[in-house]
Amino acid sequence: MKRKINQYIQTWLGHGYPDGIPDEADPVLESLNKAPSYRAICRAIMKNDTTLISLGFSRPECAAYNTLKRIELRERGLETSAQQEFFF
């Protein structure tokens, strides 16, 4: 989580915030991930958002989901379908 927060800060520093990101920004822009703030970081931590999705990071891939999806496609007889490419 610490690594992702540092990455978030470094990304925004490279996008025109050379003096650092502000403590707070317009709440609407924060919610749309259009403006950075330490308040947004604090909210993510307080919501226990360990993957920091609220800061714009994507969810990690789940190996268990991919395995279950492969089994489902096999049982439905769609082993050679285009859907298979996503889970193999």
N, C-alpha and C. Protein backbone atom coordinates (compact mmCIF):
# COMPACT_ATOMS: atom_id res chain seq x y z
N MET A 1 0.83 -1.19 0.00
CA MET A 1 0.00 0.00 0.00
C MET A 1 0.88 1.26 0.00
N LYS A 2 1.94 1.21 0.78
CA LYS A 2 2.84 2.36 0.84
C LYS A 2 3.48 2.62 -0.52
N ARG A 3 3.82 1.54 -1.23
CA ARG A 3 4.43 1.68 -2.55
C ARG A 3 3.45 2.34 -3.52
N LYS A 4 2.18 1.94 -3.46
CA LYS A 4 1.18 2.52 -4.35
C LYS A 4 0.92 3.99 -4.03
N ILE A 5 0.93 4.33 -2.75
CA ILE A 5 0.72 5.73 -2.37
C ILE A 5 1.89 6.58 -2.88
N ASN A 6 3.11 6.08 -2.73
CA ASN A 6 4.26 6.81 -3.26
C ASN A 6 4.18 6.94 -4.78
N GLN A 7 3.70 5.90 -5.44
CA GLN A 7 3.54 5.94 -6.90
C GLN A 7 2.49 6.98 -7.29
N TYR A 8 1.40 7.04 -6.53
CA TYR A 8 0.34 8.03 -6.77
C TYR A 8 0.90 9.44 -6.66
N ILE A 9 1.67 9.69 -5.62
CA ILE A 9 2.26 11.02 -5.41
C ILE A 9 3.24 11.34 -6.54
N GLN A 10 4.12 10.42 -6.88
CA GLN A 10 5.11 10.65 -7.93
C GLN A 10 4.44 10.89 -9.28
N THR A 11 3.37 10.17 -9.56
CA THR A 11 2.65 10.36 -10.82
C THR A 11 2.11 11.77 -10.92
N TRP A 12 1.49 12.25 -9.84
CA TRP A 12 0.92 13.59 -9.87
C TRP A 12 1.99 14.67 -9.85
N LEU A 13 3.13 14.40 -9.23
CA LEU A 13 4.23 15.37 -9.27
C LEU A 13 4.71 15.56 -10.71
N GLY A 14 4.67 14.50 -11.48
CA GLY A 14 5.07 14.58 -12.88
C GLY A 14 4.02 15.22 -13.78
N HIS A 15 2.81 15.42 -13.26
CA HIS A 15 1.73 16.01 -14.05
C HIS A 15 1.46 17.46 -13.69
N GLY A 16 2.46 18.16 -13.22
CA GLY A 16 2.29 19.59 -13.00
C GLY A 16 2.15 20.01 -11.55
N TYR A 17 2.59 19.22 -10.62
CA TYR A 17 2.56 19.58 -9.21
C TYR A 17 3.98 19.52 -8.65
N PRO A 18 4.90 20.37 -9.14
CA PRO A 18 6.31 20.27 -8.71
C PRO A 18 6.51 20.63 -7.24
N ASP A 19 5.60 21.40 -6.66
CA ASP A 19 5.72 21.78 -5.25
C ASP A 19 5.02 20.80 -4.33
N GLY A 20 4.52 19.71 -4.87
CA GLY A 20 3.81 18.71 -4.07
C GLY A 20 2.31 18.82 -4.27
N ILE A 21 1.64 17.73 -3.98
CA ILE A 21 0.18 17.74 -4.15
C ILE A 21 -0.44 18.47 -2.96
N PRO A 22 -1.60 19.09 -3.17
CA PRO A 22 -2.23 19.86 -2.09
C PRO A 22 -2.85 18.96 -1.02
N ASP A 23 -3.12 19.56 0.12
CA ASP A 23 -3.78 18.82 1.19
C ASP A 23 -5.21 18.47 0.81
N GLU A 24 -5.87 19.39 0.11
CA GLU A 24 -7.23 19.14 -0.34
C GLU A 24 -7.46 19.86 -1.66
N ALA A 25 -8.36 19.31 -2.44
CA ALA A 25 -8.73 19.89 -3.73
C ALA A 25 -10.25 19.89 -3.81
N ASP A 26 -10.77 20.35 -4.92
CA ASP A 26 -12.21 20.35 -5.12
C ASP A 26 -12.73 18.93 -4.96
N PRO A 27 -13.71 18.71 -4.08
CA PRO A 27 -14.21 17.34 -3.84
C PRO A 27 -14.73 16.63 -5.09
N VAL A 28 -15.32 17.38 -6.00
CA VAL A 28 -15.83 16.77 -7.22
C VAL A 28 -14.67 16.25 -8.07
N LEU A 29 -13.62 17.06 -8.21
CA LEU A 29 -12.46 16.64 -8.99
C LEU A 29 -11.74 15.48 -8.32
N GLU A 30 -11.69 15.49 -7.00
CA GLU A 30 -11.07 14.37 -6.27
C GLU A 30 -11.82 13.07 -6.53
N SER A 31 -13.14 13.12 -6.48
CA SER A 31 -13.93 11.90 -6.66
C SER A 31 -13.82 11.35 -8.07
N LEU A 32 -13.52 12.20 -9.04
CA LEU A 32 -13.34 11.77 -10.42
C LEU A 32 -11.88 11.43 -10.74
N ASN A 33 -11.02 11.50 -9.74
CA ASN A 33 -9.58 11.27 -9.90
C ASN A 33 -8.96 12.23 -10.91
N LYS A 34 -9.46 13.46 -10.94
CA LYS A 34 -8.92 14.49 -11.83
C LYS A 34 -7.98 15.44 -11.12
N ALA A 35 -7.96 15.38 -9.79
CA ALA A 35 -7.07 16.23 -9.00
C ALA A 35 -6.58 15.44 -7.80
N PRO A 36 -5.30 15.53 -7.48
CA PRO A 36 -4.76 14.79 -6.35
C PRO A 36 -4.92 15.56 -5.05
N SER A 37 -4.88 14.83 -3.95
CA SER A 37 -4.84 15.47 -2.64
C SER A 37 -4.49 14.44 -1.59
N TYR A 38 -3.93 14.94 -0.51
CA TYR A 38 -3.65 14.05 0.61
C TYR A 38 -4.95 13.63 1.29
N ARG A 39 -6.00 14.45 1.15
CA ARG A 39 -7.30 14.08 1.70
C ARG A 39 -7.82 12.81 1.03
N ALA A 40 -7.62 12.70 -0.30
CA ALA A 40 -8.06 11.50 -1.02
C ALA A 40 -7.30 10.27 -0.54
N ILE A 41 -6.01 10.43 -0.27
CA ILE A 41 -5.20 9.33 0.25
C ILE A 41 -5.72 8.91 1.62
N CYS A 42 -5.99 9.88 2.48
CA CYS A 42 -6.50 9.58 3.82
C CYS A 42 -7.85 8.88 3.76
N ARG A 43 -8.71 9.32 2.85
CA ARG A 43 -10.02 8.67 2.72
C ARG A 43 -9.87 7.22 2.28
N ALA A 44 -8.95 6.96 1.37
CA ALA A 44 -8.73 5.59 0.90
C ALA A 44 -8.25 4.72 2.07
N ILE A 45 -7.36 5.25 2.88
CA ILE A 45 -6.86 4.49 4.03
C ILE A 45 -7.97 4.27 5.04
N MET A 46 -8.76 5.29 5.31
CA MET A 46 -9.83 5.17 6.30
C MET A 46 -10.94 4.22 5.84
N LYS A 47 -11.15 4.11 4.53
CA LYS A 47 -12.15 3.17 4.00
C LYS A 47 -11.59 1.76 3.92
N ASN A 48 -10.33 1.59 4.32
CA ASN A 48 -9.64 0.30 4.26
C ASN A 48 -9.58 -0.21 2.82
N ASP A 49 -9.36 0.72 1.91
CA ASP A 49 -9.23 0.41 0.49
C ASP A 49 -7.79 -0.04 0.24
N THR A 50 -7.50 -1.30 0.59
CA THR A 50 -6.12 -1.79 0.55
C THR A 50 -5.56 -1.87 -0.87
N THR A 51 -6.41 -1.99 -1.88
CA THR A 51 -5.92 -2.01 -3.26
C THR A 51 -5.92 -0.62 -3.88
N LEU A 52 -6.39 0.38 -3.14
CA LEU A 52 -6.41 1.79 -3.55
C LEU A 52 -7.15 2.02 -4.86
N ILE A 53 -8.25 1.35 -5.01
CA ILE A 53 -9.08 1.53 -6.20
C ILE A 53 -9.63 2.95 -6.25
N SER A 54 -9.93 3.52 -5.10
CA SER A 54 -10.48 4.87 -5.07
C SER A 54 -9.47 5.92 -5.54
N LEU A 55 -8.19 5.56 -5.59
CA LEU A 55 -7.16 6.47 -6.10
C LEU A 55 -6.84 6.20 -7.57
N GLY A 56 -7.56 5.27 -8.18
CA GLY A 56 -7.37 5.02 -9.59
C GLY A 56 -6.58 3.77 -9.94
N PHE A 57 -6.17 3.01 -8.96
CA PHE A 57 -5.46 1.76 -9.23
C PHE A 57 -6.46 0.67 -9.59
N SER A 58 -6.00 -0.31 -10.36
CA SER A 58 -6.89 -1.40 -10.75
C SER A 58 -6.78 -2.55 -9.76
N ARG A 59 -7.80 -3.38 -9.78
CA ARG A 59 -7.81 -4.56 -8.91
C ARG A 59 -6.77 -5.56 -9.41
N PRO A 60 -6.12 -6.25 -8.50
CA PRO A 60 -5.17 -7.29 -8.94
C PRO A 60 -5.92 -8.48 -9.52
N GLU A 61 -5.26 -9.18 -10.43
CA GLU A 61 -5.88 -10.37 -11.00
C GLU A 61 -6.05 -11.44 -9.94
N CYS A 62 -7.13 -12.17 -10.04
CA CYS A 62 -7.42 -13.23 -9.08
C CYS A 62 -7.26 -14.57 -9.78
N ALA A 63 -6.28 -15.35 -9.38
CA ALA A 63 -6.03 -16.65 -9.99
C ALA A 63 -7.20 -17.60 -9.78
N ALA A 64 -7.84 -17.52 -8.63
CA ALA A 64 -8.98 -18.39 -8.34
C ALA A 64 -10.14 -18.11 -9.29
N TYR A 65 -10.39 -16.83 -9.57
CA TYR A 65 -11.46 -16.49 -10.51
C TYR A 65 -11.17 -17.05 -11.90
N ASN A 66 -9.92 -16.89 -12.36
CA ASN A 66 -9.57 -17.41 -13.68
C ASN A 66 -9.73 -18.92 -13.75
N THR A 67 -9.37 -19.62 -12.69
CA THR A 67 -9.53 -21.08 -12.67
C THR A 67 -11.01 -21.46 -12.73
N LEU A 68 -11.83 -20.80 -11.93
CA LEU A 68 -13.27 -21.10 -11.95
C LEU A 68 -13.89 -20.77 -13.30
N LYS A 69 -13.45 -19.70 -13.92
CA LYS A 69 -13.99 -19.31 -15.21
C LYS A 69 -13.61 -20.34 -16.28
N ARG A 70 -12.38 -20.86 -16.23
CA ARG A 70 -11.97 -21.89 -17.17
C ARG A 70 -12.84 -23.14 -17.03
N ILE A 71 -13.12 -23.54 -15.79
CA ILE A 71 -13.97 -24.70 -15.53
C ILE A 71 -15.37 -24.45 -16.08
N GLU A 72 -15.90 -23.26 -15.84
CA GLU A 72 -17.24 -22.93 -16.33
C GLU A 72 -17.30 -22.98 -17.86
N LEU A 73 -16.31 -22.42 -18.54
CA LEU A 73 -16.30 -22.43 -20.00
C LEU A 73 -16.18 -23.86 -20.54
N ARG A 74 -15.38 -24.67 -19.86
CA ARG A 74 -15.21 -26.06 -20.28
C ARG A 74 -16.54 -26.81 -20.14
N GLU A 75 -17.25 -26.59 -19.04
CA GLU A 75 -18.52 -27.28 -18.81
C GLU A 75 -19.61 -26.82 -19.78
N ARG A 76 -19.54 -25.58 -20.21
CA ARG A 76 -20.53 -25.07 -21.16
C ARG A 76 -20.17 -25.41 -22.59
N GLY A 77 -19.02 -26.03 -22.79
CA GLY A 77 -18.60 -26.42 -24.13
C GLY A 77 -18.06 -25.28 -24.95
N LEU A 78 -17.54 -24.27 -24.29
CA LEU A 78 -17.01 -23.10 -24.99
C LEU A 78 -15.49 -23.06 -24.93
N GLU A 79 -14.87 -24.21 -24.92
CA GLU A 79 -13.42 -24.27 -24.76
C GLU A 79 -12.68 -23.59 -25.91
N THR A 80 -13.24 -23.55 -27.08
CA THR A 80 -12.56 -22.97 -28.23
C THR A 80 -13.10 -21.59 -28.58
N SER A 81 -13.87 -21.00 -27.70
CA SER A 81 -14.47 -19.70 -28.00
C SER A 81 -13.46 -18.58 -27.78
N ALA A 82 -13.86 -17.40 -28.20
CA ALA A 82 -13.02 -16.21 -28.03
C ALA A 82 -12.90 -15.84 -26.55
N GLN A 83 -13.90 -16.25 -25.75
CA GLN A 83 -13.87 -15.95 -24.32
C GLN A 83 -12.70 -16.66 -23.65
N GLN A 84 -12.35 -17.78 -24.18
CA GLN A 84 -11.28 -18.59 -23.59
C GLN A 84 -9.96 -17.82 -23.54
N GLU A 85 -9.72 -16.97 -24.53
CA GLU A 85 -8.46 -16.25 -24.59
C GLU A 85 -8.21 -15.39 -23.34
N PHE A 86 -9.27 -14.93 -22.71
CA PHE A 86 -9.13 -14.07 -21.55
C PHE A 86 -8.72 -14.83 -20.28
N PHE A 87 -8.96 -16.12 -20.25
CA PHE A 87 -8.75 -16.87 -19.02
C PHE A 87 -7.72 -17.96 -19.14
N PHE A 88 -6.98 -18.01 -20.23
CA PHE A 88 -5.95 -19.02 -20.39
C PHE A 88 -4.61 -18.40 -20.58
